Amino acid sequence: MVDERAVRPKRADARRNEEALLNAAAAVFVASGVEAPIRDIAAEAGVGTATIYRHFPTRADLIIAVYRHQVEALALAGPDLLETSASPHAALAQWIDLFVDFLVTKLGLAAVLQSDDPCFDPLHSYFLERLEPVCAELLDAAGIRSGPDAYELMRGVGGLCAGAGGNHHYDARRLARLLIAGLGGPH
């Protein structure tokens, strides 16, 4: 017998509620780390803790969902930026800004994602499978063919983000913009 709840798609309001929970959790994780109390996430989202546990029974479920949600948003942003930006190079620069924001958030999740818990193992592959083709499309559209490939660029930006180490005078976004400007291509 098939459970109808598993087959039925979520209602639009349920999807919005889940998205609000994921956005609230991401904000709290950035501010306070992934070990922040669930009640803080509930307060940020304007819901009770039971609502969070109904959607995400464990902290690991919530962490994985936040990570996937952010990767999906970043993956979808690439094509949108290509359509709406002044140029493909501007789209690439804007996407790299979003990528930097994502990486800064991800650094807060890094200790958990590198833990011995096997539930987090597939997330890095998922990250690369979703984002590398988007970055490659942006590089190609911007006419950047002699510089780094998408993987190298993403690793380079990741290195710039990791270099901050809590130094408030270090601006990873500015450094990433300099990197993109130095790649050439039409501006």
N, C-alpha and C. Protein backbone atom coordinates (compact mmCIF):
# COMPACT_ATOMS: atom_id res chain seq x y z
N MET A 1 0.84 -1.19 0.00
CA MET A 1 0.00 0.00 0.00
C MET A 1 0.88 1.25 0.00
N VAL A 2 0.54 2.23 -0.83
CA VAL A 2 1.30 3.46 -0.98
C VAL A 2 0.74 4.52 -0.05
N ASP A 3 1.61 5.19 0.65
CA ASP A 3 1.23 6.30 1.51
C ASP A 3 0.93 7.50 0.62
N GLU A 4 -0.34 7.98 0.64
CA GLU A 4 -0.74 9.09 -0.22
C GLU A 4 0.05 10.36 0.06
N ARG A 5 0.45 10.57 1.32
CA ARG A 5 1.22 11.77 1.65
C ARG A 5 2.57 11.77 0.94
N ALA A 6 3.15 10.60 0.70
CA ALA A 6 4.44 10.52 0.04
C ALA A 6 4.32 10.80 -1.46
N VAL A 7 3.12 10.57 -2.03
CA VAL A 7 2.91 10.72 -3.47
C VAL A 7 2.44 12.14 -3.81
N ARG A 8 1.59 12.71 -2.96
CA ARG A 8 1.03 14.03 -3.24
C ARG A 8 2.11 15.12 -3.17
N PRO A 9 2.10 16.04 -4.14
CA PRO A 9 3.03 17.17 -4.03
C PRO A 9 2.59 18.08 -2.89
N LYS A 10 3.53 18.83 -2.35
CA LYS A 10 3.22 19.75 -1.27
C LYS A 10 2.37 20.90 -1.79
N ARG A 11 1.46 21.36 -0.95
CA ARG A 11 0.66 22.53 -1.29
C ARG A 11 1.58 23.75 -1.37
N ALA A 12 1.12 24.76 -2.09
CA ALA A 12 1.93 25.97 -2.27
C ALA A 12 2.25 26.62 -0.93
N ASP A 13 1.29 26.67 -0.02
CA ASP A 13 1.56 27.29 1.28
C ASP A 13 2.54 26.47 2.09
N ALA A 14 2.50 25.15 1.96
CA ALA A 14 3.47 24.29 2.66
C ALA A 14 4.87 24.50 2.10
N ARG A 15 4.98 24.67 0.79
CA ARG A 15 6.29 24.94 0.17
C ARG A 15 6.82 26.30 0.64
N ARG A 16 5.95 27.30 0.71
CA ARG A 16 6.37 28.63 1.19
C ARG A 16 6.83 28.56 2.65
N ASN A 17 6.08 27.82 3.47
CA ASN A 17 6.46 27.67 4.88
C ASN A 17 7.81 26.99 5.01
N GLU A 18 8.02 25.95 4.23
CA GLU A 18 9.31 25.25 4.28
C GLU A 18 10.43 26.17 3.81
N GLU A 19 10.19 26.94 2.76
CA GLU A 19 11.21 27.87 2.28
C GLU A 19 11.53 28.92 3.35
N ALA A 20 10.50 29.42 4.04
CA ALA A 20 10.73 30.40 5.11
C ALA A 20 11.56 29.77 6.23
N LEU A 21 11.28 28.51 6.55
CA LEU A 21 12.06 27.81 7.58
C LEU A 21 13.52 27.66 7.15
N LEU A 22 13.73 27.30 5.90
CA LEU A 22 15.10 27.12 5.39
C LEU A 22 15.86 28.45 5.37
N ASN A 23 15.21 29.52 4.96
CA ASN A 23 15.86 30.82 4.96
C ASN A 23 16.19 31.28 6.38
N ALA A 24 15.26 31.05 7.30
CA ALA A 24 15.50 31.41 8.70
C ALA A 24 16.65 30.59 9.28
N ALA A 25 16.66 29.29 8.99
CA ALA A 25 17.74 28.43 9.49
C ALA A 25 19.08 28.87 8.93
N ALA A 26 19.13 29.21 7.66
CA ALA A 26 20.39 29.66 7.06
C ALA A 26 20.88 30.92 7.76
N ALA A 27 19.97 31.86 8.01
CA ALA A 27 20.36 33.11 8.67
C ALA A 27 20.88 32.85 10.08
N VAL A 28 20.22 31.98 10.81
CA VAL A 28 20.64 31.66 12.17
C VAL A 28 21.97 30.90 12.14
N PHE A 29 22.13 29.99 11.18
CA PHE A 29 23.39 29.25 11.08
C PHE A 29 24.56 30.19 10.82
N VAL A 30 24.36 31.20 9.97
CA VAL A 30 25.42 32.15 9.68
C VAL A 30 25.76 32.95 10.94
N ALA A 31 24.73 33.38 11.65
CA ALA A 31 24.94 34.23 12.82
C ALA A 31 25.47 33.47 14.03
N SER A 32 24.97 32.23 14.22
CA SER A 32 25.24 31.53 15.48
C SER A 32 25.83 30.14 15.33
N GLY A 33 25.99 29.67 14.10
CA GLY A 33 26.51 28.32 13.89
C GLY A 33 25.40 27.29 13.81
N VAL A 34 25.74 26.11 13.33
CA VAL A 34 24.74 25.07 13.10
C VAL A 34 24.24 24.42 14.39
N GLU A 35 24.89 24.72 15.48
CA GLU A 35 24.44 24.18 16.76
C GLU A 35 23.49 25.14 17.47
N ALA A 36 23.09 26.21 16.80
CA ALA A 36 22.16 27.18 17.40
C ALA A 36 20.88 26.45 17.82
N PRO A 37 20.27 26.90 18.90
CA PRO A 37 19.03 26.25 19.36
C PRO A 37 17.92 26.33 18.30
N ILE A 38 17.18 25.27 18.18
CA ILE A 38 16.05 25.22 17.25
C ILE A 38 15.07 26.34 17.57
N ARG A 39 14.92 26.69 18.83
CA ARG A 39 13.98 27.77 19.20
C ARG A 39 14.40 29.09 18.55
N ASP A 40 15.72 29.31 18.33
CA ASP A 40 16.18 30.52 17.66
C ASP A 40 15.73 30.53 16.20
N ILE A 41 15.81 29.37 15.57
CA ILE A 41 15.38 29.25 14.17
C ILE A 41 13.87 29.45 14.09
N ALA A 42 13.14 28.84 15.03
CA ALA A 42 11.69 28.99 15.07
C ALA A 42 11.31 30.46 15.24
N ALA A 43 12.00 31.16 16.14
CA ALA A 43 11.71 32.58 16.36
C ALA A 43 11.99 33.40 15.10
N GLU A 44 13.10 33.11 14.43
CA GLU A 44 13.45 33.82 13.18
C GLU A 44 12.39 33.58 12.11
N ALA A 45 11.85 32.36 12.07
CA ALA A 45 10.85 32.00 11.06
C ALA A 45 9.43 32.39 11.47
N GLY A 46 9.25 32.73 12.75
CA GLY A 46 7.92 33.08 13.23
C GLY A 46 7.00 31.88 13.39
N VAL A 47 7.58 30.72 13.74
CA VAL A 47 6.80 29.50 13.94
C VAL A 47 7.20 28.86 15.27
N GLY A 48 6.48 27.83 15.65
CA GLY A 48 6.84 27.07 16.84
C GLY A 48 7.88 26.02 16.50
N THR A 49 8.57 25.54 17.52
CA THR A 49 9.59 24.50 17.28
C THR A 49 8.98 23.22 16.72
N ALA A 50 7.73 22.93 17.10
CA ALA A 50 7.08 21.71 16.59
C ALA A 50 6.96 21.75 15.07
N THR A 51 6.76 22.95 14.53
CA THR A 51 6.66 23.08 13.06
C THR A 51 7.99 22.70 12.41
N ILE A 52 9.08 23.13 13.00
CA ILE A 52 10.39 22.78 12.44
C ILE A 52 10.59 21.27 12.51
N TYR A 53 10.30 20.68 13.65
CA TYR A 53 10.48 19.23 13.78
C TYR A 53 9.53 18.44 12.88
N ARG A 54 8.38 18.99 12.57
CA ARG A 54 7.46 18.31 11.65
C ARG A 54 8.07 18.26 10.25
N HIS A 55 8.73 19.33 9.86
CA HIS A 55 9.37 19.36 8.53
C HIS A 55 10.73 18.65 8.53
N PHE A 56 11.48 18.82 9.63
CA PHE A 56 12.86 18.32 9.71
C PHE A 56 13.03 17.61 11.05
N PRO A 57 12.81 16.31 11.10
CA PRO A 57 12.84 15.58 12.37
C PRO A 57 14.17 15.64 13.12
N THR A 58 15.29 15.81 12.40
CA THR A 58 16.59 15.88 13.07
C THR A 58 17.33 17.13 12.61
N ARG A 59 18.32 17.53 13.38
CA ARG A 59 19.16 18.67 13.01
C ARG A 59 19.86 18.37 11.69
N ALA A 60 20.32 17.14 11.50
CA ALA A 60 20.98 16.77 10.24
C ALA A 60 20.03 16.96 9.06
N ASP A 61 18.76 16.60 9.23
CA ASP A 61 17.78 16.81 8.15
C ASP A 61 17.68 18.29 7.80
N LEU A 62 17.68 19.13 8.82
CA LEU A 62 17.58 20.57 8.60
C LEU A 62 18.84 21.11 7.92
N ILE A 63 19.99 20.70 8.36
CA ILE A 63 21.26 21.15 7.77
C ILE A 63 21.33 20.76 6.30
N ILE A 64 20.99 19.52 6.01
CA ILE A 64 21.01 19.04 4.62
C ILE A 64 20.02 19.83 3.77
N ALA A 65 18.83 20.08 4.31
CA ALA A 65 17.82 20.82 3.56
C ALA A 65 18.26 22.26 3.29
N VAL A 66 18.88 22.90 4.28
CA VAL A 66 19.37 24.27 4.09
C VAL A 66 20.44 24.29 3.00
N TYR A 67 21.35 23.36 3.06
CA TYR A 67 22.43 23.30 2.08
C TYR A 67 21.86 23.09 0.67
N ARG A 68 20.97 22.11 0.53
CA ARG A 68 20.38 21.83 -0.78
C ARG A 68 19.57 23.03 -1.30
N HIS A 69 18.85 23.66 -0.41
CA HIS A 69 18.04 24.83 -0.78
C HIS A 69 18.92 25.94 -1.32
N GLN A 70 20.04 26.18 -0.66
CA GLN A 70 20.95 27.23 -1.10
C GLN A 70 21.63 26.87 -2.42
N VAL A 71 21.99 25.62 -2.60
CA VAL A 71 22.58 25.19 -3.86
C VAL A 71 21.58 25.36 -5.00
N GLU A 72 20.33 24.96 -4.77
CA GLU A 72 19.30 25.10 -5.81
C GLU A 72 19.08 26.56 -6.18
N ALA A 73 19.02 27.43 -5.19
CA ALA A 73 18.82 28.86 -5.47
C ALA A 73 19.97 29.40 -6.31
N LEU A 74 21.17 29.00 -6.00
CA LEU A 74 22.35 29.44 -6.74
C LEU A 74 22.35 28.87 -8.15
N ALA A 75 21.95 27.62 -8.29
CA ALA A 75 21.90 27.00 -9.62
C ALA A 75 20.86 27.70 -10.51
N LEU A 76 19.73 28.05 -9.94
CA LEU A 76 18.69 28.72 -10.71
C LEU A 76 19.03 30.17 -11.03
N ALA A 77 19.86 30.78 -10.20
CA ALA A 77 20.22 32.18 -10.41
C ALA A 77 21.05 32.38 -11.67
N GLY A 78 21.88 31.42 -12.04
CA GLY A 78 22.74 31.56 -13.22
C GLY A 78 21.97 31.89 -14.48
N PRO A 79 21.03 31.03 -14.89
CA PRO A 79 20.26 31.33 -16.10
C PRO A 79 19.44 32.62 -15.98
N ASP A 80 18.90 32.89 -14.80
CA ASP A 80 18.14 34.13 -14.61
C ASP A 80 19.02 35.35 -14.82
N LEU A 81 20.24 35.30 -14.28
CA LEU A 81 21.16 36.43 -14.44
C LEU A 81 21.58 36.62 -15.90
N LEU A 82 21.74 35.52 -16.62
CA LEU A 82 22.09 35.64 -18.05
C LEU A 82 20.98 36.36 -18.81
N GLU A 83 19.74 36.15 -18.41
CA GLU A 83 18.61 36.79 -19.09
C GLU A 83 18.45 38.26 -18.72
N THR A 84 18.79 38.61 -17.48
CA THR A 84 18.46 39.94 -16.97
C THR A 84 19.64 40.90 -16.83
N SER A 85 20.84 40.42 -16.92
CA SER A 85 22.01 41.28 -16.72
C SER A 85 22.36 42.05 -17.98
N ALA A 86 23.11 43.12 -17.79
CA ALA A 86 23.51 43.97 -18.91
C ALA A 86 24.38 43.22 -19.91
N SER A 87 25.17 42.26 -19.43
CA SER A 87 26.04 41.48 -20.31
C SER A 87 26.30 40.13 -19.65
N PRO A 88 26.77 39.16 -20.43
CA PRO A 88 27.12 37.87 -19.83
C PRO A 88 28.23 38.01 -18.78
N HIS A 89 29.18 38.93 -19.01
CA HIS A 89 30.25 39.14 -18.03
C HIS A 89 29.67 39.68 -16.72
N ALA A 90 28.69 40.60 -16.83
CA ALA A 90 28.02 41.13 -15.63
C ALA A 90 27.25 40.02 -14.92
N ALA A 91 26.63 39.12 -15.70
CA ALA A 91 25.92 37.99 -15.10
C ALA A 91 26.88 37.10 -14.32
N LEU A 92 28.05 36.84 -14.91
CA LEU A 92 29.06 36.02 -14.23
C LEU A 92 29.49 36.70 -12.93
N ALA A 93 29.76 38.00 -12.99
CA ALA A 93 30.19 38.72 -11.78
C ALA A 93 29.12 38.69 -10.70
N GLN A 94 27.86 38.87 -11.09
CA GLN A 94 26.77 38.83 -10.11
C GLN A 94 26.62 37.43 -9.53
N TRP A 95 26.76 36.41 -10.37
CA TRP A 95 26.65 35.03 -9.88
C TRP A 95 27.79 34.72 -8.91
N ILE A 96 28.98 35.20 -9.22
CA ILE A 96 30.12 34.99 -8.31
C ILE A 96 29.85 35.67 -6.97
N ASP A 97 29.23 36.85 -6.98
CA ASP A 97 28.84 37.49 -5.71
C ASP A 97 27.92 36.57 -4.90
N LEU A 98 26.94 35.99 -5.57
CA LEU A 98 26.03 35.06 -4.89
C LEU A 98 26.77 33.82 -4.40
N PHE A 99 27.71 33.36 -5.20
CA PHE A 99 28.52 32.19 -4.84
C PHE A 99 29.34 32.49 -3.59
N VAL A 100 29.91 33.69 -3.53
CA VAL A 100 30.68 34.09 -2.34
C VAL A 100 29.75 34.08 -1.12
N ASP A 101 28.57 34.65 -1.25
CA ASP A 101 27.62 34.65 -0.13
C ASP A 101 27.31 33.22 0.31
N PHE A 102 27.09 32.34 -0.66
CA PHE A 102 26.83 30.94 -0.35
C PHE A 102 28.01 30.30 0.38
N LEU A 103 29.22 30.55 -0.12
CA LEU A 103 30.39 29.95 0.50
C LEU A 103 30.61 30.44 1.92
N VAL A 104 30.33 31.71 2.15
CA VAL A 104 30.47 32.24 3.50
C VAL A 104 29.49 31.52 4.43
N THR A 105 28.27 31.30 3.96
CA THR A 105 27.30 30.53 4.74
C THR A 105 27.78 29.10 4.91
N LYS A 106 28.30 28.51 3.84
CA LYS A 106 28.75 27.12 3.88
C LYS A 106 29.91 26.95 4.86
N LEU A 107 30.75 27.97 4.99
CA LEU A 107 31.86 27.84 5.93
C LEU A 107 31.34 27.60 7.34
N GLY A 108 30.18 28.17 7.66
CA GLY A 108 29.57 27.90 8.95
C GLY A 108 29.12 26.46 9.07
N LEU A 109 28.83 25.84 7.95
CA LEU A 109 28.40 24.44 7.95
C LEU A 109 29.57 23.48 7.77
N ALA A 110 30.76 24.00 7.52
CA ALA A 110 31.90 23.17 7.14
C ALA A 110 32.23 22.09 8.16
N ALA A 111 32.23 22.43 9.43
CA ALA A 111 32.58 21.43 10.45
C ALA A 111 31.60 20.27 10.42
N VAL A 112 30.34 20.58 10.24
CA VAL A 112 29.33 19.52 10.19
C VAL A 112 29.47 18.72 8.90
N LEU A 113 29.67 19.42 7.78
CA LEU A 113 29.75 18.74 6.50
C LEU A 113 30.98 17.85 6.40
N GLN A 114 32.01 18.15 7.17
CA GLN A 114 33.23 17.33 7.15
C GLN A 114 33.27 16.35 8.32
N SER A 115 32.14 16.19 9.00
CA SER A 115 32.09 15.28 10.14
C SER A 115 32.09 13.83 9.64
N ASP A 116 32.09 12.92 10.58
CA ASP A 116 32.07 11.50 10.23
C ASP A 116 30.67 10.99 9.94
N ASP A 117 29.67 11.85 10.01
CA ASP A 117 28.29 11.43 9.77
C ASP A 117 28.10 11.17 8.28
N PRO A 118 27.82 9.93 7.88
CA PRO A 118 27.70 9.61 6.45
C PRO A 118 26.53 10.28 5.75
N CYS A 119 25.57 10.83 6.50
CA CYS A 119 24.44 11.47 5.83
C CYS A 119 24.87 12.72 5.07
N PHE A 120 26.03 13.29 5.40
CA PHE A 120 26.50 14.50 4.74
C PHE A 120 27.39 14.21 3.53
N ASP A 121 27.80 12.97 3.35
CA ASP A 121 28.74 12.60 2.28
C ASP A 121 28.29 13.01 0.88
N PRO A 122 27.02 12.83 0.50
CA PRO A 122 26.63 13.16 -0.88
C PRO A 122 26.53 14.65 -1.18
N LEU A 123 26.62 15.50 -0.17
CA LEU A 123 26.38 16.92 -0.41
C LEU A 123 27.43 17.58 -1.28
N HIS A 124 28.69 17.22 -1.14
CA HIS A 124 29.72 17.85 -1.97
C HIS A 124 29.52 17.48 -3.44
N SER A 125 29.22 16.22 -3.71
CA SER A 125 28.96 15.81 -5.09
C SER A 125 27.75 16.54 -5.66
N TYR A 126 26.72 16.68 -4.85
CA TYR A 126 25.52 17.40 -5.26
C TYR A 126 25.86 18.86 -5.61
N PHE A 127 26.66 19.48 -4.75
CA PHE A 127 27.12 20.85 -4.95
C PHE A 127 27.79 20.98 -6.32
N LEU A 128 28.75 20.10 -6.61
CA LEU A 128 29.47 20.17 -7.88
C LEU A 128 28.58 19.86 -9.07
N GLU A 129 27.72 18.85 -8.95
CA GLU A 129 26.84 18.46 -10.06
C GLU A 129 25.88 19.59 -10.44
N ARG A 130 25.41 20.35 -9.46
CA ARG A 130 24.45 21.41 -9.73
C ARG A 130 25.13 22.72 -10.14
N LEU A 131 26.27 23.04 -9.53
CA LEU A 131 26.84 24.38 -9.74
C LEU A 131 27.93 24.45 -10.80
N GLU A 132 28.68 23.40 -11.00
CA GLU A 132 29.75 23.46 -12.00
C GLU A 132 29.20 23.73 -13.40
N PRO A 133 28.11 23.06 -13.83
CA PRO A 133 27.58 23.38 -15.17
C PRO A 133 27.06 24.81 -15.29
N VAL A 134 26.50 25.36 -14.21
CA VAL A 134 26.02 26.74 -14.24
C VAL A 134 27.20 27.69 -14.41
N CYS A 135 28.24 27.47 -13.64
CA CYS A 135 29.44 28.31 -13.75
C CYS A 135 30.06 28.19 -15.14
N ALA A 136 30.10 26.99 -15.68
CA ALA A 136 30.65 26.77 -17.03
C ALA A 136 29.82 27.52 -18.08
N GLU A 137 28.51 27.49 -17.94
CA GLU A 137 27.64 28.20 -18.87
C GLU A 137 27.89 29.71 -18.81
N LEU A 138 28.06 30.22 -17.60
CA LEU A 138 28.33 31.65 -17.43
C LEU A 138 29.70 32.03 -18.02
N LEU A 139 30.71 31.21 -17.78
CA LEU A 139 32.04 31.47 -18.35
C LEU A 139 31.97 31.47 -19.87
N ASP A 140 31.28 30.49 -20.43
CA ASP A 140 31.16 30.39 -21.88
C ASP A 140 30.42 31.59 -22.46
N ALA A 141 29.31 31.95 -21.82
CA ALA A 141 28.52 33.09 -22.30
C ALA A 141 29.32 34.38 -22.24
N ALA A 142 30.19 34.49 -21.22
CA ALA A 142 31.02 35.69 -21.07
C ALA A 142 32.22 35.69 -22.02
N GLY A 143 32.39 34.61 -22.77
CA GLY A 143 33.48 34.54 -23.73
C GLY A 143 34.83 34.28 -23.09
N ILE A 144 34.84 33.72 -21.89
CA ILE A 144 36.10 33.45 -21.20
C ILE A 144 36.46 31.99 -21.45
N ARG A 145 37.38 31.79 -22.38
CA ARG A 145 37.73 30.42 -22.76
C ARG A 145 39.18 30.09 -22.45
N SER A 146 40.00 31.11 -22.21
CA SER A 146 41.42 30.83 -21.99
C SER A 146 41.78 30.86 -20.51
N GLY A 147 40.83 31.19 -19.65
CA GLY A 147 41.10 31.25 -18.21
C GLY A 147 40.80 29.91 -17.56
N PRO A 148 40.49 29.96 -16.29
CA PRO A 148 40.22 28.72 -15.57
C PRO A 148 38.91 28.10 -16.05
N ASP A 149 38.80 26.78 -15.88
CA ASP A 149 37.51 26.16 -16.16
C ASP A 149 36.62 26.40 -14.94
N ALA A 150 35.37 25.96 -15.02
CA ALA A 150 34.41 26.25 -13.96
C ALA A 150 34.86 25.70 -12.62
N TYR A 151 35.37 24.49 -12.60
CA TYR A 151 35.81 23.89 -11.34
C TYR A 151 36.95 24.69 -10.72
N GLU A 152 37.93 25.07 -11.56
CA GLU A 152 39.07 25.85 -11.05
C GLU A 152 38.62 27.20 -10.51
N LEU A 153 37.70 27.86 -11.22
CA LEU A 153 37.22 29.15 -10.77
C LEU A 153 36.48 29.01 -9.44
N MET A 154 35.63 28.01 -9.34
CA MET A 154 34.89 27.79 -8.09
C MET A 154 35.84 27.49 -6.93
N ARG A 155 36.86 26.70 -7.19
CA ARG A 155 37.87 26.41 -6.15
C ARG A 155 38.64 27.67 -5.77
N GLY A 156 38.99 28.47 -6.77
CA GLY A 156 39.71 29.71 -6.50
C GLY A 156 38.90 30.67 -5.65
N VAL A 157 37.63 30.83 -5.98
CA VAL A 157 36.76 31.70 -5.19
C VAL A 157 36.59 31.11 -3.79
N GLY A 158 36.48 29.78 -3.71
CA GLY A 158 36.41 29.13 -2.40
C GLY A 158 37.63 29.42 -1.56
N GLY A 159 38.79 29.40 -2.19
CA GLY A 159 40.03 29.72 -1.47
C GLY A 159 40.04 31.15 -0.96
N LEU A 160 39.52 32.06 -1.79
CA LEU A 160 39.43 33.46 -1.36
C LEU A 160 38.50 33.60 -0.15
N CYS A 161 37.41 32.87 -0.17
CA CYS A 161 36.45 32.93 0.95
C CYS A 161 37.03 32.32 2.22
N ALA A 162 37.76 31.24 2.06
CA ALA A 162 38.35 30.58 3.23
C ALA A 162 39.44 31.43 3.85
N GLY A 163 40.04 32.32 3.07
CA GLY A 163 41.13 33.15 3.56
C GLY A 163 40.73 34.18 4.59
N ALA A 164 39.44 34.47 4.71
CA ALA A 164 38.99 35.51 5.63
C ALA A 164 39.31 35.15 7.07
N GLY A 165 39.02 33.94 7.47
CA GLY A 165 39.35 33.49 8.81
C GLY A 165 38.91 34.42 9.92
N GLY A 166 37.76 35.06 9.79
CA GLY A 166 37.27 35.93 10.84
C GLY A 166 37.85 37.33 10.83
N ASN A 167 38.71 37.65 9.85
CA ASN A 167 39.30 38.98 9.75
C ASN A 167 38.28 39.92 9.11
N HIS A 168 37.82 40.91 9.86
CA HIS A 168 36.80 41.83 9.37
C HIS A 168 37.32 42.79 8.29
N HIS A 169 38.63 42.88 8.13
CA HIS A 169 39.21 43.74 7.10
C HIS A 169 39.39 43.00 5.78
N TYR A 170 39.09 41.73 5.78
CA TYR A 170 39.25 40.88 4.60
C TYR A 170 37.91 40.84 3.88
N ASP A 171 37.88 41.22 2.61
CA ASP A 171 36.63 41.27 1.85
C ASP A 171 36.71 40.27 0.70
N ALA A 172 36.21 39.07 0.94
CA ALA A 172 36.27 38.01 -0.07
C ALA A 172 35.50 38.40 -1.32
N ARG A 173 34.40 39.10 -1.16
CA ARG A 173 33.61 39.50 -2.33
C ARG A 173 34.42 40.44 -3.22
N ARG A 174 35.11 41.41 -2.63
CA ARG A 174 35.94 42.35 -3.41
C ARG A 174 37.04 41.60 -4.14
N LEU A 175 37.67 40.65 -3.46
CA LEU A 175 38.74 39.88 -4.09
C LEU A 175 38.20 39.01 -5.23
N ALA A 176 37.02 38.44 -5.04
CA ALA A 176 36.41 37.64 -6.10
C ALA A 176 36.08 38.52 -7.30
N ARG A 177 35.63 39.75 -7.05
CA ARG A 177 35.35 40.68 -8.16
C ARG A 177 36.62 41.01 -8.93
N LEU A 178 37.72 41.19 -8.21
CA LEU A 178 39.00 41.44 -8.88
C LEU A 178 39.39 40.24 -9.74
N LEU A 179 39.18 39.06 -9.23
CA LEU A 179 39.47 37.84 -9.99
C LEU A 179 38.66 37.80 -11.27
N ILE A 180 37.37 38.06 -11.18
CA ILE A 180 36.49 38.02 -12.36
C ILE A 180 36.90 39.12 -13.35
N ALA A 181 37.19 40.30 -12.84
CA ALA A 181 37.62 41.40 -13.74
C ALA A 181 38.91 41.02 -14.47
N GLY A 182 39.78 40.29 -13.80
CA GLY A 182 41.06 39.90 -14.40
C GLY A 182 40.93 38.78 -15.42
N LEU A 183 39.79 38.14 -15.49
CA LEU A 183 39.62 37.05 -16.45
C LEU A 183 39.48 37.56 -17.87
N GLY A 184 39.17 38.82 -18.01
CA GLY A 184 39.02 39.36 -19.35
C GLY A 184 37.66 39.04 -19.92
N GLY A 185 37.60 38.91 -21.21
CA GLY A 185 36.31 38.71 -21.87
C GLY A 185 35.64 40.06 -22.05
N PRO A 186 34.55 40.10 -22.77
CA PRO A 186 33.86 41.37 -22.97
C PRO A 186 33.24 41.85 -21.66
N HIS A 187 33.32 43.14 -21.39
CA HIS A 187 32.77 43.71 -20.15
C HIS A 187 31.54 44.43 -20.47
